[in-house]
Amino acid sequence: MSALPGSATGDAAAAPASPPVSGIERTVAVLTIGLVLWFGFQTSALIRERRHIAAARANQEPLIQQAQRVRVQLDALARSTLQLAQQGNPSAALIVDQLARRGITINPQAPTTPAPAPSK
């Protein structure tokens, strides 16, 4: 019995024929895979760096609060010195004058509490 022209007999006819992959398609596929891997690497590096920055900020928070307390104390001392200078104390007047020459001004109405920390 002979094979009909449209029948599927033999090994070559059993497997469907796939079109050959051209060089440009292979290049685009490799470049796409490489780009996806690069974006994944960059994303993981950025996430790791963000964690490190958040940890550094958390470690600095007590130092920032301490610096704010010292600033409030220094401002209170400067206001007291200014009040003494306004009352006629020559030593306090000399201190205020020297601070003014160096560009440091004393605000007599400055707040006595530290400014709130910036939100995250």
PDB file of N, CA and C in Angstrom:
ATOM      1  N   MET A   1       0.855  -1.151   0.000  1.00  0.00           N
ATOM      2  CA  MET A   1       0.000   0.000   0.000  1.00  0.00           C
ATOM      3  C   MET A   1       0.902   1.214   0.000  1.00  0.00           C
ATOM      4  N   SER A   2       0.633   2.160  -0.814  1.00  0.00           N
ATOM      5  CA  SER A   2       1.479   3.341  -0.938  1.00  0.00           C
ATOM      6  C   SER A   2       0.867   4.487  -0.154  1.00  0.00           C
ATOM      7  N   ALA A   3       1.733   5.402   0.267  1.00  0.00           N
ATOM      8  CA  ALA A   3       1.278   6.526   1.094  1.00  0.00           C
ATOM      9  C   ALA A   3       0.598   7.549   0.217  1.00  0.00           C
ATOM     10  N   LEU A   4      -0.473   8.050   0.706  1.00  0.00           N
ATOM     11  CA  LEU A   4      -1.189   9.092  -0.007  1.00  0.00           C
ATOM     12  C   LEU A   4      -0.446  10.421   0.165  1.00  0.00           C
ATOM     13  N   PRO A   5      -0.597  11.328  -0.744  1.00  0.00           N
ATOM     14  CA  PRO A   5       0.157  12.570  -0.656  1.00  0.00           C
ATOM     15  C   PRO A   5      -0.151  13.362   0.612  1.00  0.00           C
ATOM     16  N   GLY A   6      -1.296  13.311   1.197  1.00  0.00           N
ATOM     17  CA  GLY A   6      -1.629  14.110   2.369  1.00  0.00           C
ATOM     18  C   GLY A   6      -1.518  13.345   3.662  1.00  0.00           C
ATOM     19  N   SER A   7      -1.112  12.084   3.637  1.00  0.00           N
ATOM     20  CA  SER A   7      -1.078  11.301   4.864  1.00  0.00           C
ATOM     21  C   SER A   7       0.234  11.510   5.597  1.00  0.00           C
ATOM     22  N   ALA A   8       0.200  11.277   6.915  1.00  0.00           N
ATOM     23  CA  ALA A   8       1.377  11.472   7.763  1.00  0.00           C
ATOM     24  C   ALA A   8       1.976  10.124   8.077  1.00  0.00           C
ATOM     25  N   THR A   9       2.923   9.681   7.272  1.00  0.00           N
ATOM     26  CA  THR A   9       3.621   8.440   7.539  1.00  0.00           C
ATOM     27  C   THR A   9       5.107   8.707   7.529  1.00  0.00           C
ATOM     28  N   GLY A  10       5.828   7.978   8.315  1.00  0.00           N
ATOM     29  CA  GLY A  10       7.277   8.143   8.362  1.00  0.00           C
ATOM     30  C   GLY A  10       7.677   9.064   9.495  1.00  0.00           C
ATOM     31  N   ASP A  11       8.982   9.060   9.818  1.00  0.00           N
ATOM     32  CA  ASP A  11       9.496   9.835  10.945  1.00  0.00           C
ATOM     33  C   ASP A  11       9.489  11.334  10.658  1.00  0.00           C
ATOM     34  N   ALA A  12       9.825  11.754   9.481  1.00  0.00           N
ATOM     35  CA  ALA A  12       9.924  13.172   9.169  1.00  0.00           C
ATOM     36  C   ALA A  12       8.561  13.835   9.212  1.00  0.00           C
ATOM     37  N   ALA A  13       7.544  13.148   8.876  1.00  0.00           N
ATOM     38  CA  ALA A  13       6.215  13.727   8.853  1.00  0.00           C
ATOM     39  C   ALA A  13       5.601  13.754  10.239  1.00  0.00           C
ATOM     40  N   ALA A  14       6.111  12.993  11.218  1.00  0.00           N
ATOM     41  CA  ALA A  14       5.522  12.921  12.543  1.00  0.00           C
ATOM     42  C   ALA A  14       5.823  14.187  13.341  1.00  0.00           C
ATOM     43  N   ALA A  15       6.999  14.765  13.224  1.00  0.00           N
ATOM     44  CA  ALA A  15       7.353  15.958  13.982  1.00  0.00           C
ATOM     45  C   ALA A  15       6.987  17.187  13.166  1.00  0.00           C
ATOM     46  N   PRO A  16       6.298  18.147  13.793  1.00  0.00           N
ATOM     47  CA  PRO A  16       5.958  19.359  13.041  1.00  0.00           C
ATOM     48  C   PRO A  16       7.220  20.162  12.759  1.00  0.00           C
ATOM     49  N   ALA A  17       7.280  20.713  11.614  1.00  0.00           N
ATOM     50  CA  ALA A  17       8.457  21.487  11.225  1.00  0.00           C
ATOM     51  C   ALA A  17       8.372  22.883  11.827  1.00  0.00           C
ATOM     52  N   SER A  18       9.456  23.316  12.516  1.00  0.00           N
ATOM     53  CA  SER A  18       9.475  24.667  13.092  1.00  0.00           C
ATOM     54  C   SER A  18      10.329  25.540  12.194  1.00  0.00           C
ATOM     55  N   PRO A  19       9.940  26.794  12.105  1.00  0.00           N
ATOM     56  CA  PRO A  19      10.729  27.680  11.243  1.00  0.00           C
ATOM     57  C   PRO A  19      12.095  27.913  11.887  1.00  0.00           C
ATOM     58  N   PRO A  20      13.110  28.015  11.108  1.00  0.00           N
ATOM     59  CA  PRO A  20      14.445  28.233  11.675  1.00  0.00           C
ATOM     60  C   PRO A  20      14.528  29.609  12.348  1.00  0.00           C
ATOM     61  N   VAL A  21      15.277  29.681  13.465  1.00  0.00           N
ATOM     62  CA  VAL A  21      15.454  30.929  14.204  1.00  0.00           C
ATOM     63  C   VAL A  21      16.556  31.735  13.518  1.00  0.00           C
ATOM     64  N   SER A  22      16.224  32.953  13.172  1.00  0.00           N
ATOM     65  CA  SER A  22      17.209  33.780  12.476  1.00  0.00           C
ATOM     66  C   SER A  22      18.169  34.397  13.486  1.00  0.00           C
ATOM     67  N   GLY A  23      19.261  34.951  13.002  1.00  0.00           N
ATOM     68  CA  GLY A  23      20.278  35.547  13.858  1.00  0.00           C
ATOM     69  C   GLY A  23      19.759  36.757  14.619  1.00  0.00           C
ATOM     70  N   ILE A  24      18.888  37.544  13.999  1.00  0.00           N
ATOM     71  CA  ILE A  24      18.375  38.747  14.649  1.00  0.00           C
ATOM     72  C   ILE A  24      17.451  38.380  15.810  1.00  0.00           C
ATOM     73  N   GLU A  25      16.662  37.342  15.642  1.00  0.00           N
ATOM     74  CA  GLU A  25      15.764  36.910  16.721  1.00  0.00           C
ATOM     75  C   GLU A  25      16.565  36.402  17.912  1.00  0.00           C
ATOM     76  N   ARG A  26      17.607  35.647  17.646  1.00  0.00           N
ATOM     77  CA  ARG A  26      18.462  35.139  18.721  1.00  0.00           C
ATOM     78  C   ARG A  26      19.142  36.309  19.443  1.00  0.00           C
ATOM     79  N   THR A  27      19.606  37.312  18.707  1.00  0.00           N
ATOM     80  CA  THR A  27      20.265  38.474  19.300  1.00  0.00           C
ATOM     81  C   THR A  27      19.299  39.259  20.175  1.00  0.00           C
ATOM     82  N   VAL A  28      18.094  39.460  19.683  1.00  0.00           N
ATOM     83  CA  VAL A  28      17.085  40.188  20.462  1.00  0.00           C
ATOM     84  C   VAL A  28      16.742  39.413  21.726  1.00  0.00           C
ATOM     85  N   ALA A  29      16.636  38.108  21.645  1.00  0.00           N
ATOM     86  CA  ALA A  29      16.322  37.294  22.815  1.00  0.00           C
ATOM     87  C   ALA A  29      17.434  37.386  23.854  1.00  0.00           C
ATOM     88  N   VAL A  30      18.681  37.298  23.430  1.00  0.00           N
ATOM     89  CA  VAL A  30      19.815  37.387  24.368  1.00  0.00           C
ATOM     90  C   VAL A  30      19.866  38.769  25.002  1.00  0.00           C
ATOM     91  N   LEU A  31      19.669  39.816  24.206  1.00  0.00           N
ATOM     92  CA  LEU A  31      19.675  41.176  24.745  1.00  0.00           C
ATOM     93  C   LEU A  31      18.530  41.393  25.730  1.00  0.00           C
ATOM     94  N   THR A  32      17.361  40.850  25.445  1.00  0.00           N
ATOM     95  CA  THR A  32      16.221  40.988  26.340  1.00  0.00           C
ATOM     96  C   THR A  32      16.493  40.293  27.671  1.00  0.00           C
ATOM     97  N   ILE A  33      17.030  39.092  27.617  1.00  0.00           N
ATOM     98  CA  ILE A  33      17.359  38.353  28.845  1.00  0.00           C
ATOM     99  C   ILE A  33      18.417  39.119  29.646  1.00  0.00           C
ATOM    100  N   GLY A  34      19.414  39.626  28.954  1.00  0.00           N
ATOM    101  CA  GLY A  34      20.452  40.403  29.632  1.00  0.00           C
ATOM    102  C   GLY A  34      19.903  41.657  30.279  1.00  0.00           C
ATOM    103  N   LEU A  35      18.993  42.344  29.602  1.00  0.00           N
ATOM    104  CA  LEU A  35      18.387  43.557  30.136  1.00  0.00           C
ATOM    105  C   LEU A  35      17.538  43.249  31.371  1.00  0.00           C
ATOM    106  N   VAL A  36      16.767  42.187  31.330  1.00  0.00           N
ATOM    107  CA  VAL A  36      15.955  41.793  32.486  1.00  0.00           C
ATOM    108  C   VAL A  36      16.851  41.435  33.669  1.00  0.00           C
ATOM    109  N   LEU A  37      17.934  40.712  33.422  1.00  0.00           N
ATOM    110  CA  LEU A  37      18.870  40.377  34.501  1.00  0.00           C
ATOM    111  C   LEU A  37      19.521  41.637  35.071  1.00  0.00           C
ATOM    112  N   TRP A  38      19.898  42.577  34.212  1.00  0.00           N
ATOM    113  CA  TRP A  38      20.514  43.823  34.672  1.00  0.00           C
ATOM    114  C   TRP A  38      19.537  44.620  35.544  1.00  0.00           C
ATOM    115  N   PHE A  39      18.280  44.736  35.115  1.00  0.00           N
ATOM    116  CA  PHE A  39      17.279  45.448  35.915  1.00  0.00           C
ATOM    117  C   PHE A  39      17.070  44.755  37.260  1.00  0.00           C
ATOM    118  N   GLY A  40      17.058  43.438  37.264  1.00  0.00           N
ATOM    119  CA  GLY A  40      16.925  42.704  38.529  1.00  0.00           C
ATOM    120  C   GLY A  40      18.089  42.974  39.459  1.00  0.00           C
ATOM    121  N   PHE A  41      19.296  42.967  38.925  1.00  0.00           N
ATOM    122  CA  PHE A  41      20.473  43.258  39.740  1.00  0.00           C
ATOM    123  C   PHE A  41      20.419  44.669  40.298  1.00  0.00           C
ATOM    124  N   GLN A  42      20.093  45.630  39.462  1.00  0.00           N
ATOM    125  CA  GLN A  42      20.024  47.017  39.913  1.00  0.00           C
ATOM    126  C   GLN A  42      18.946  47.207  40.973  1.00  0.00           C
ATOM    127  N   THR A  43      17.808  46.555  40.796  1.00  0.00           N
ATOM    128  CA  THR A  43      16.731  46.656  41.783  1.00  0.00           C
ATOM    129  C   THR A  43      17.172  46.089  43.118  1.00  0.00           C
ATOM    130  N   SER A  44      17.815  44.942  43.109  1.00  0.00           N
ATOM    131  CA  SER A  44      18.268  44.357  44.375  1.00  0.00           C
ATOM    132  C   SER A  44      19.334  45.236  45.030  1.00  0.00           C
ATOM    133  N   ALA A  45      20.215  45.847  44.244  1.00  0.00           N
ATOM    134  CA  ALA A  45      21.240  46.737  44.806  1.00  0.00           C
ATOM    135  C   ALA A  45      20.603  47.979  45.419  1.00  0.00           C
ATOM    136  N   LEU A  46      19.599  48.533  44.765  1.00  0.00           N
ATOM    137  CA  LEU A  46      18.923  49.713  45.299  1.00  0.00           C
ATOM    138  C   LEU A  46      18.151  49.395  46.578  1.00  0.00           C
ATOM    139  N   ILE A  47      17.531  48.239  46.633  1.00  0.00           N
ATOM    140  CA  ILE A  47      16.810  47.839  47.846  1.00  0.00           C
ATOM    141  C   ILE A  47      17.787  47.670  48.999  1.00  0.00           C
ATOM    142  N   ARG A  48      18.926  47.042  48.738  1.00  0.00           N
ATOM    143  CA  ARG A  48      19.958  46.860  49.769  1.00  0.00           C
ATOM    144  C   ARG A  48      20.484  48.215  50.250  1.00  0.00           C
ATOM    145  N   GLU A  49      20.727  49.128  49.321  1.00  0.00           N
ATOM    146  CA  GLU A  49      21.235  50.451  49.684  1.00  0.00           C
ATOM    147  C   GLU A  49      20.204  51.233  50.486  1.00  0.00           C
ATOM    148  N   ARG A  50      18.938  51.084  50.150  1.00  0.00           N
ATOM    149  CA  ARG A  50      17.885  51.772  50.901  1.00  0.00           C
ATOM    150  C   ARG A  50      17.840  51.275  52.343  1.00  0.00           C
ATOM    151  N   ARG A  51      18.020  49.974  52.534  1.00  0.00           N
ATOM    152  CA  ARG A  51      18.060  49.428  53.901  1.00  0.00           C
ATOM    153  C   ARG A  51      19.234  49.993  54.681  1.00  0.00           C
ATOM    154  N   HIS A  52      20.382  50.112  54.031  1.00  0.00           N
ATOM    155  CA  HIS A  52      21.571  50.655  54.704  1.00  0.00           C
ATOM    156  C   HIS A  52      21.358  52.118  55.092  1.00  0.00           C
ATOM    157  N   ILE A  53      20.749  52.886  54.217  1.00  0.00           N
ATOM    158  CA  ILE A  53      20.490  54.294  54.508  1.00  0.00           C
ATOM    159  C   ILE A  53      19.495  54.422  55.653  1.00  0.00           C
ATOM    160  N   ALA A  54      18.457  53.598  55.665  1.00  0.00           N
ATOM    161  CA  ALA A  54      17.479  53.642  56.751  1.00  0.00           C
ATOM    162  C   ALA A  54      18.133  53.271  58.086  1.00  0.00           C
ATOM    163  N   ALA A  55      19.039  52.307  58.068  1.00  0.00           N
ATOM    164  CA  ALA A  55      19.737  51.926  59.296  1.00  0.00           C
ATOM    165  C   ALA A  55      20.652  53.052  59.775  1.00  0.00           C
ATOM    166  N   ALA A  56      21.328  53.708  58.851  1.00  0.00           N
ATOM    167  CA  ALA A  56      22.205  54.826  59.220  1.00  0.00           C
ATOM    168  C   ALA A  56      21.400  55.973  59.803  1.00  0.00           C
ATOM    169  N   ARG A  57      20.248  56.235  59.224  1.00  0.00           N
ATOM    170  CA  ARG A  57      19.386  57.305  59.751  1.00  0.00           C
ATOM    171  C   ARG A  57      18.881  56.952  61.140  1.00  0.00           C
ATOM    172  N   ALA A  58      18.517  55.716  61.350  1.00  0.00           N
ATOM    173  CA  ALA A  58      18.045  55.300  62.676  1.00  0.00           C
ATOM    174  C   ALA A  58      19.173  55.400  63.704  1.00  0.00           C
ATOM    175  N   ASN A  59      20.404  55.101  63.291  1.00  0.00           N
ATOM    176  CA  ASN A  59      21.536  55.209  64.209  1.00  0.00           C
ATOM    177  C   ASN A  59      21.859  56.663  64.545  1.00  0.00           C
ATOM    178  N   GLN A  60      21.564  57.585  63.657  1.00  0.00           N
ATOM    179  CA  GLN A  60      21.864  58.991  63.883  1.00  0.00           C
ATOM    180  C   GLN A  60      20.773  59.717  64.665  1.00  0.00           C
ATOM    181  N   GLU A  61      19.626  59.132  64.797  1.00  0.00           N
ATOM    182  CA  GLU A  61      18.493  59.807  65.443  1.00  0.00           C
ATOM    183  C   GLU A  61      18.812  60.263  66.872  1.00  0.00           C
ATOM    184  N   PRO A  62      19.424  59.427  67.735  1.00  0.00           N
ATOM    185  CA  PRO A  62      19.742  59.915  69.090  1.00  0.00           C
ATOM    186  C   PRO A  62      20.721  61.099  69.066  1.00  0.00           C
ATOM    187  N   LEU A  63      21.660  61.091  68.138  1.00  0.00           N
ATOM    188  CA  LEU A  63      22.611  62.198  68.034  1.00  0.00           C
ATOM    189  C   LEU A  63      21.913  63.487  67.614  1.00  0.00           C
ATOM    190  N   ILE A  64      20.967  63.380  66.727  1.00  0.00           N
ATOM    191  CA  ILE A  64      20.221  64.551  66.272  1.00  0.00           C
ATOM    192  C   ILE A  64      19.401  65.123  67.415  1.00  0.00           C
ATOM    193  N   GLN A  65      18.759  64.268  68.192  1.00  0.00           N
ATOM    194  CA  GLN A  65      17.970  64.740  69.333  1.00  0.00           C
ATOM    195  C   GLN A  65      18.859  65.410  70.375  1.00  0.00           C
ATOM    196  N   GLN A  66      20.024  64.854  70.618  1.00  0.00           N
ATOM    197  CA  GLN A  66      20.961  65.455  71.564  1.00  0.00           C
ATOM    198  C   GLN A  66      21.435  66.816  71.051  1.00  0.00           C
ATOM    199  N   ALA A  67      21.712  66.910  69.767  1.00  0.00           N
ATOM    200  CA  ALA A  67      22.149  68.181  69.185  1.00  0.00           C
ATOM    201  C   ALA A  67      21.050  69.236  69.295  1.00  0.00           C
ATOM    202  N   GLN A  68      19.798  68.829  69.141  1.00  0.00           N
ATOM    203  CA  GLN A  68      18.688  69.772  69.276  1.00  0.00           C
ATOM    204  C   GLN A  68      18.572  70.267  70.717  1.00  0.00           C
ATOM    205  N   ARG A  69      18.788  69.375  71.690  1.00  0.00           N
ATOM    206  CA  ARG A  69      18.743  69.792  73.100  1.00  0.00           C
ATOM    207  C   ARG A  69      19.868  70.778  73.403  1.00  0.00           C
ATOM    208  N   VAL A  70      21.067  70.518  72.886  1.00  0.00           N
ATOM    209  CA  VAL A  70      22.196  71.426  73.099  1.00  0.00           C
ATOM    210  C   VAL A  70      21.911  72.772  72.434  1.00  0.00           C
ATOM    211  N   ARG A  71      21.292  72.749  71.266  1.00  0.00           N
ATOM    212  CA  ARG A  71      20.954  73.996  70.564  1.00  0.00           C
ATOM    213  C   ARG A  71      19.974  74.825  71.377  1.00  0.00           C
ATOM    214  N   VAL A  72      18.976  74.177  71.967  1.00  0.00           N
ATOM    215  CA  VAL A  72      18.004  74.901  72.792  1.00  0.00           C
ATOM    216  C   VAL A  72      18.711  75.517  74.002  1.00  0.00           C
ATOM    217  N   GLN A  73      19.614  74.760  74.630  1.00  0.00           N
ATOM    218  CA  GLN A  73      20.346  75.287  75.783  1.00  0.00           C
ATOM    219  C   GLN A  73      21.231  76.469  75.372  1.00  0.00           C
ATOM    220  N   LEU A  74      21.899  76.361  74.228  1.00  0.00           N
ATOM    221  CA  LEU A  74      22.755  77.444  73.747  1.00  0.00           C
ATOM    222  C   LEU A  74      21.937  78.687  73.424  1.00  0.00           C
ATOM    223  N   ASP A  75      20.766  78.506  72.814  1.00  0.00           N
ATOM    224  CA  ASP A  75      19.895  79.644  72.520  1.00  0.00           C
ATOM    225  C   ASP A  75      19.422  80.317  73.808  1.00  0.00           C
ATOM    226  N   ALA A  76      19.102  79.528  74.814  1.00  0.00           N
ATOM    227  CA  ALA A  76      18.675  80.097  76.100  1.00  0.00           C
ATOM    228  C   ALA A  76      19.816  80.886  76.737  1.00  0.00           C
ATOM    229  N   LEU A  77      21.025  80.364  76.670  1.00  0.00           N
ATOM    230  CA  LEU A  77      22.188  81.066  77.204  1.00  0.00           C
ATOM    231  C   LEU A  77      22.433  82.377  76.455  1.00  0.00           C
ATOM    232  N   ALA A  78      22.296  82.339  75.141  1.00  0.00           N
ATOM    233  CA  ALA A  78      22.494  83.552  74.338  1.00  0.00           C
ATOM    234  C   ALA A  78      21.419  84.586  74.656  1.00  0.00           C
ATOM    235  N   ARG A  79      20.168  84.155  74.817  1.00  0.00           N
ATOM    236  CA  ARG A  79      19.094  85.096  75.170  1.00  0.00           C
ATOM    237  C   ARG A  79      19.351  85.726  76.537  1.00  0.00           C
ATOM    238  N   SER A  80      19.811  84.925  77.488  1.00  0.00           N
ATOM    239  CA  SER A  80      20.125  85.454  78.822  1.00  0.00           C
ATOM    240  C   SER A  80      21.264  86.468  78.750  1.00  0.00           C
ATOM    241  N   THR A  81      22.271  86.169  77.936  1.00  0.00           N
ATOM    242  CA  THR A  81      23.392  87.095  77.763  1.00  0.00           C
ATOM    243  C   THR A  81      22.912  88.397  77.128  1.00  0.00           C
ATOM    244  N   LEU A  82      22.011  88.302  76.145  1.00  0.00           N
ATOM    245  CA  LEU A  82      21.457  89.490  75.516  1.00  0.00           C
ATOM    246  C   LEU A  82      20.664  90.315  76.527  1.00  0.00           C
ATOM    247  N   GLN A  83      19.886  89.665  77.376  1.00  0.00           N
ATOM    248  CA  GLN A  83      19.119  90.391  78.397  1.00  0.00           C
ATOM    249  C   GLN A  83      20.051  91.114  79.366  1.00  0.00           C
ATOM    250  N   LEU A  84      21.129  90.441  79.767  1.00  0.00           N
ATOM    251  CA  LEU A  84      22.106  91.086  80.644  1.00  0.00           C
ATOM    252  C   LEU A  84      22.741  92.288  79.959  1.00  0.00           C
ATOM    253  N   ALA A  85      23.042  92.162  78.659  1.00  0.00           N
ATOM    254  CA  ALA A  85      23.635  93.275  77.913  1.00  0.00           C
ATOM    255  C   ALA A  85      22.659  94.440  77.825  1.00  0.00           C
ATOM    256  N   GLN A  86      21.383  94.142  77.643  1.00  0.00           N
ATOM    257  CA  GLN A  86      20.369  95.196  77.568  1.00  0.00           C
ATOM    258  C   GLN A  86      20.167  95.870  78.923  1.00  0.00           C
ATOM    259  N   GLN A  87      20.466  95.158  80.004  1.00  0.00           N
ATOM    260  CA  GLN A  87      20.342  95.717  81.350  1.00  0.00           C
ATOM    261  C   GLN A  87      21.585  96.508  81.751  1.00  0.00           C
ATOM    262  N   GLY A  88      22.623  96.505  80.889  1.00  0.00           N
ATOM    263  CA  GLY A  88      23.790  97.321  81.143  1.00  0.00           C
ATOM    264  C   GLY A  88      25.025  96.567  81.595  1.00  0.00           C
ATOM    265  N   ASN A  89      25.051  95.283  81.570  1.00  0.00           N
ATOM    266  CA  ASN A  89      26.239  94.518  81.963  1.00  0.00           C
ATOM    267  C   ASN A  89      27.296  94.671  80.874  1.00  0.00           C
ATOM    268  N   PRO A  90      28.470  95.237  81.194  1.00  0.00           N
ATOM    269  CA  PRO A  90      29.473  95.479  80.153  1.00  0.00           C
ATOM    270  C   PRO A  90      30.077  94.194  79.591  1.00  0.00           C
ATOM    271  N   SER A  91      30.264  93.174  80.396  1.00  0.00           N
ATOM    272  CA  SER A  91      30.822  91.911  79.897  1.00  0.00           C
ATOM    273  C   SER A  91      29.859  91.243  78.915  1.00  0.00           C
ATOM    274  N   ALA A  92      28.580  91.252  79.257  1.00  0.00           N
ATOM    275  CA  ALA A  92      27.572  90.669  78.371  1.00  0.00           C
ATOM    276  C   ALA A  92      27.478  91.480  77.083  1.00  0.00           C
ATOM    277  N   ALA A  93      27.588  92.795  77.193  1.00  0.00           N
ATOM    278  CA  ALA A  93      27.550  93.649  76.000  1.00  0.00           C
ATOM    279  C   ALA A  93      28.740  93.358  75.094  1.00  0.00           C
ATOM    280  N   LEU A  94      29.902  93.115  75.682  1.00  0.00           N
ATOM    281  CA  LEU A  94      31.089  92.773  74.894  1.00  0.00           C
ATOM    282  C   LEU A  94      30.889  91.445  74.160  1.00  0.00           C
ATOM    283  N   ILE A  95      30.319  90.474  74.847  1.00  0.00           N
ATOM    284  CA  ILE A  95      30.062  89.162  74.223  1.00  0.00           C
ATOM    285  C   ILE A  95      29.087  89.307  73.059  1.00  0.00           C
ATOM    286  N   VAL A  96      27.998  90.034  73.270  1.00  0.00           N
ATOM    287  CA  VAL A  96      26.994  90.216  72.214  1.00  0.00           C
ATOM    288  C   VAL A  96      27.620  90.963  71.037  1.00  0.00           C
ATOM    289  N   ASP A  97      28.468  91.966  71.329  1.00  0.00           N
ATOM    290  CA  ASP A  97      29.131  92.725  70.273  1.00  0.00           C
ATOM    291  C   ASP A  97      30.064  91.819  69.457  1.00  0.00           C
ATOM    292  N   GLN A  98      30.843  90.986  70.136  1.00  0.00           N
ATOM    293  CA  GLN A  98      31.755  90.076  69.439  1.00  0.00           C
ATOM    294  C   GLN A  98      30.987  89.052  68.593  1.00  0.00           C
ATOM    295  N   LEU A  99      29.879  88.568  69.119  1.00  0.00           N
ATOM    296  CA  LEU A  99      29.054  87.636  68.335  1.00  0.00           C
ATOM    297  C   LEU A  99      28.497  88.328  67.095  1.00  0.00           C
ATOM    298  N   ALA A 100      28.069  89.578  67.244  1.00  0.00           N
ATOM    299  CA  ALA A 100      27.526  90.328  66.096  1.00  0.00           C
ATOM    300  C   ALA A 100      28.603  90.550  65.045  1.00  0.00           C
ATOM    301  N   ARG A 101      29.843  90.803  65.451  1.00  0.00           N
ATOM    302  CA  ARG A 101      30.936  90.992  64.490  1.00  0.00           C
ATOM    303  C   ARG A 101      31.198  89.720  63.694  1.00  0.00           C
ATOM    304  N   ARG A 102      30.947  88.600  64.301  1.00  0.00           N
ATOM    305  CA  ARG A 102      31.164  87.311  63.625  1.00  0.00           C
ATOM    306  C   ARG A 102      29.933  86.833  62.857  1.00  0.00           C
ATOM    307  N   GLY A 103      28.917  87.662  62.832  1.00  0.00           N
ATOM    308  CA  GLY A 103      27.727  87.330  62.045  1.00  0.00           C
ATOM    309  C   GLY A 103      26.701  86.495  62.791  1.00  0.00           C
ATOM    310  N   ILE A 104      26.838  86.406  64.105  1.00  0.00           N
ATOM    311  CA  ILE A 104      25.894  85.622  64.899  1.00  0.00           C
ATOM    312  C   ILE A 104      24.926  86.584  65.566  1.00  0.00           C
ATOM    313  N   THR A 105      23.659  86.452  65.248  1.00  0.00           N
ATOM    314  CA  THR A 105      22.642  87.299  65.860  1.00  0.00           C
ATOM    315  C   THR A 105      21.856  86.480  66.866  1.00  0.00           C
ATOM    316  N   ILE A 106      21.375  87.146  67.876  1.00  0.00           N
ATOM    317  CA  ILE A 106      20.609  86.492  68.935  1.00  0.00           C
ATOM    318  C   ILE A 106      19.156  86.909  68.778  1.00  0.00           C
ATOM    319  N   ASN A 107      18.282  85.940  68.668  1.00  0.00           N
ATOM    320  CA  ASN A 107      16.859  86.191  68.529  1.00  0.00           C
ATOM    321  C   ASN A 107      16.220  86.096  69.905  1.00  0.00           C
ATOM    322  N   PRO A 108      15.758  87.220  70.475  1.00  0.00           N
ATOM    323  CA  PRO A 108      15.188  87.146  71.826  1.00  0.00           C
ATOM    324  C   PRO A 108      13.843  86.424  71.871  1.00  0.00           C
ATOM    325  N   GLN A 109      13.170  86.254  70.742  1.00  0.00           N
ATOM    326  CA  GLN A 109      11.880  85.564  70.720  1.00  0.00           C
ATOM    327  C   GLN A 109      11.988  84.155  70.134  1.00  0.00           C
ATOM    328  N   ALA A 110      13.165  83.562  70.184  1.00  0.00           N
ATOM    329  CA  ALA A 110      13.344  82.216  69.634  1.00  0.00           C
ATOM    330  C   ALA A 110      12.544  81.210  70.457  1.00  0.00           C
ATOM    331  N   PRO A 111      12.035  80.156  69.831  1.00  0.00           N
ATOM    332  CA  PRO A 111      11.287  79.138  70.582  1.00  0.00           C
ATOM    333  C   PRO A 111      12.195  78.412  71.569  1.00  0.00           C
ATOM    334  N   THR A 112      11.619  78.021  72.691  1.00  0.00           N
ATOM    335  CA  THR A 112      12.404  77.350  73.729  1.00  0.00           C
ATOM    336  C   THR A 112      12.364  75.835  73.597  1.00  0.00           C
ATOM    337  N   THR A 113      11.593  75.313  72.656  1.00  0.00           N
ATOM    338  CA  THR A 113      11.540  73.862  72.445  1.00  0.00           C
ATOM    339  C   THR A 113      12.183  73.532  71.112  1.00  0.00           C
ATOM    340  N   PRO A 114      12.806  72.362  70.998  1.00  0.00           N
ATOM    341  CA  PRO A 114      13.427  72.004  69.727  1.00  0.00           C
ATOM    342  C   PRO A 114      12.382  71.790  68.636  1.00  0.00           C
ATOM    343  N   ALA A 115      12.799  72.048  67.422  1.00  0.00           N
ATOM    344  CA  ALA A 115      11.909  71.834  66.273  1.00  0.00           C
ATOM    345  C   ALA A 115      11.684  70.333  66.103  1.00  0.00           C
ATOM    346  N   PRO A 116      10.479  69.948  65.658  1.00  0.00           N
ATOM    347  CA  PRO A 116      10.237  68.510  65.469  1.00  0.00           C
ATOM    348  C   PRO A 116      11.124  67.936  64.378  1.00  0.00           C
ATOM    349  N   ALA A 117      11.479  66.680  64.540  1.00  0.00           N
ATOM    350  CA  ALA A 117      12.308  66.002  63.550  1.00  0.00           C
ATOM    351  C   ALA A 117      11.518  65.840  62.255  1.00  0.00           C
ATOM    352  N   PRO A 118      12.195  65.907  61.101  1.00  0.00           N
ATOM    353  CA  PRO A 118      11.490  65.720  59.832  1.00  0.00           C
ATOM    354  C   PRO A 118      10.899  64.326  59.732  1.00  0.00           C
ATOM    355  N   SER A 119       9.735  64.261  59.116  1.00  0.00           N
ATOM    356  CA  SER A 119       9.075  62.958  58.976  1.00  0.00           C
ATOM    357  C   SER A 119       9.767  62.121  57.928  1.00  0.00           C
ATOM    358  N   LYS A 120       9.572  60.824  58.028  1.00  0.00           N
ATOM    359  CA  LYS A 120      10.243  59.877  57.113  1.00  0.00           C
ATOM    360  C   LYS A 120       9.547  59.830  55.797  1.00  0.00           C
TER     361      LYS A 120
END
